[in-house]
Protein backbone atom coordinates (compact mmCIF):
# COMPACT_ATOMS: atom_id res chain seq x y z
CA MET A 1 21.11 -23.15 -10.39
CA LYS A 2 24.31 -22.33 -9.82
CA ILE A 3 25.79 -20.23 -7.59
CA GLN A 4 25.51 -16.34 -9.57
CA GLU A 5 23.80 -17.23 -12.23
CA ILE A 6 21.41 -14.50 -13.97
CA MET A 7 17.61 -15.29 -13.42
CA LYS A 8 14.80 -15.03 -14.77
CA ILE A 9 11.52 -13.40 -13.16
CA GLN A 10 9.54 -17.93 -13.72
CA GLU A 11 13.00 -18.92 -12.00
CA ILE A 12 12.32 -15.96 -9.05
CA LYS A 13 8.49 -16.65 -9.41
CA ALA A 14 9.56 -20.04 -8.35
CA ILE A 15 12.01 -19.58 -5.72
CA ALA A 16 9.39 -17.09 -4.10
CA LYS A 17 6.22 -19.58 -4.42
CA ALA A 18 8.44 -22.11 -2.36
CA LYS A 19 8.66 -19.68 0.24
CA GLY A 20 4.77 -19.45 0.88
CA ILE A 21 5.91 -15.80 -0.90
CA LYS A 22 2.82 -14.97 -3.06
CA THR A 23 4.44 -12.45 -5.21
CA GLY A 24 1.71 -10.76 -7.22
CA ASN A 25 2.28 -7.32 -8.82
CA LEU A 26 6.16 -7.06 -7.49
CA ILE A 27 8.05 -6.65 -10.56
CA LYS A 28 11.66 -8.20 -10.11
CA PRO A 29 13.77 -5.85 -7.80
CA GLU A 30 11.39 -6.20 -5.19
CA LEU A 31 10.90 -9.50 -5.11
CA ILE A 32 13.99 -10.47 -4.94
CA ARG A 33 14.42 -7.70 -2.00
CA THR A 34 11.35 -9.62 -0.60
CA ILE A 35 12.96 -13.05 -0.84
CA GLN A 36 16.02 -12.22 0.49
CA LYS A 37 14.04 -11.06 4.04
CA SER A 38 12.10 -13.84 3.87
CA GLU A 39 15.49 -15.73 4.77
CA GLY A 40 16.59 -13.56 7.41
CA ASN A 41 19.62 -11.35 5.31
CA PHE A 42 19.75 -7.64 4.57
CA ASP A 43 16.90 -7.24 1.08
CA CYS A 44 20.02 -5.26 -0.76
CA TYR A 45 19.35 -5.89 -4.60
CA GLY A 46 20.03 -3.44 -6.21
CA SER A 47 21.99 -1.08 -3.81
CA ALA A 48 25.03 -1.41 -5.18
CA MET A 49 25.54 1.56 -7.23
CA SER A 50 29.76 1.67 -6.72
CA GLY A 51 29.40 -1.97 -8.28
CA SER A 52 30.54 -3.43 -5.34
CA CYS A 53 29.62 -5.86 -2.92
CA ASP A 54 31.10 -8.52 -0.34
CA GLN A 55 28.01 -11.00 -0.54
CA SER A 56 30.19 -13.41 -2.66
CA ASN A 57 27.56 -15.93 -1.82
CA CYS A 58 24.57 -13.80 -2.46
CA LEU A 59 22.17 -16.15 -4.92
CA TRP A 60 21.68 -12.66 -6.60
CA ARG A 61 25.21 -11.03 -6.64
CA LYS A 62 25.96 -10.48 -10.74
CA ASP A 63 22.33 -10.35 -11.49
CA CYS A 64 22.13 -7.47 -8.72
CA LEU A 65 26.02 -6.06 -10.14
CA GLU A 66 24.33 -6.22 -13.51
CA PHE A 67 21.78 -4.11 -12.39
CA SER A 68 23.42 -1.84 -10.66
CA THR A 69 25.26 -0.71 -12.20
CA LYS A 70 22.15 0.12 -15.48
């Protein structure tokens, strides 16, 4: 998978499962933030309200920016 590609929930759940994270009833933003925390990163998914983000290598960046502007 390429960096900055918008992911479907099934792909995100597969990443979580590979990291030993139980997905349960988590919605997409909660699941991504849980993955970010498990990786030792900021759990900031969806918080770029200004439409900008300095985390240029983040796997979730494009999806996050789109989600943040809704």
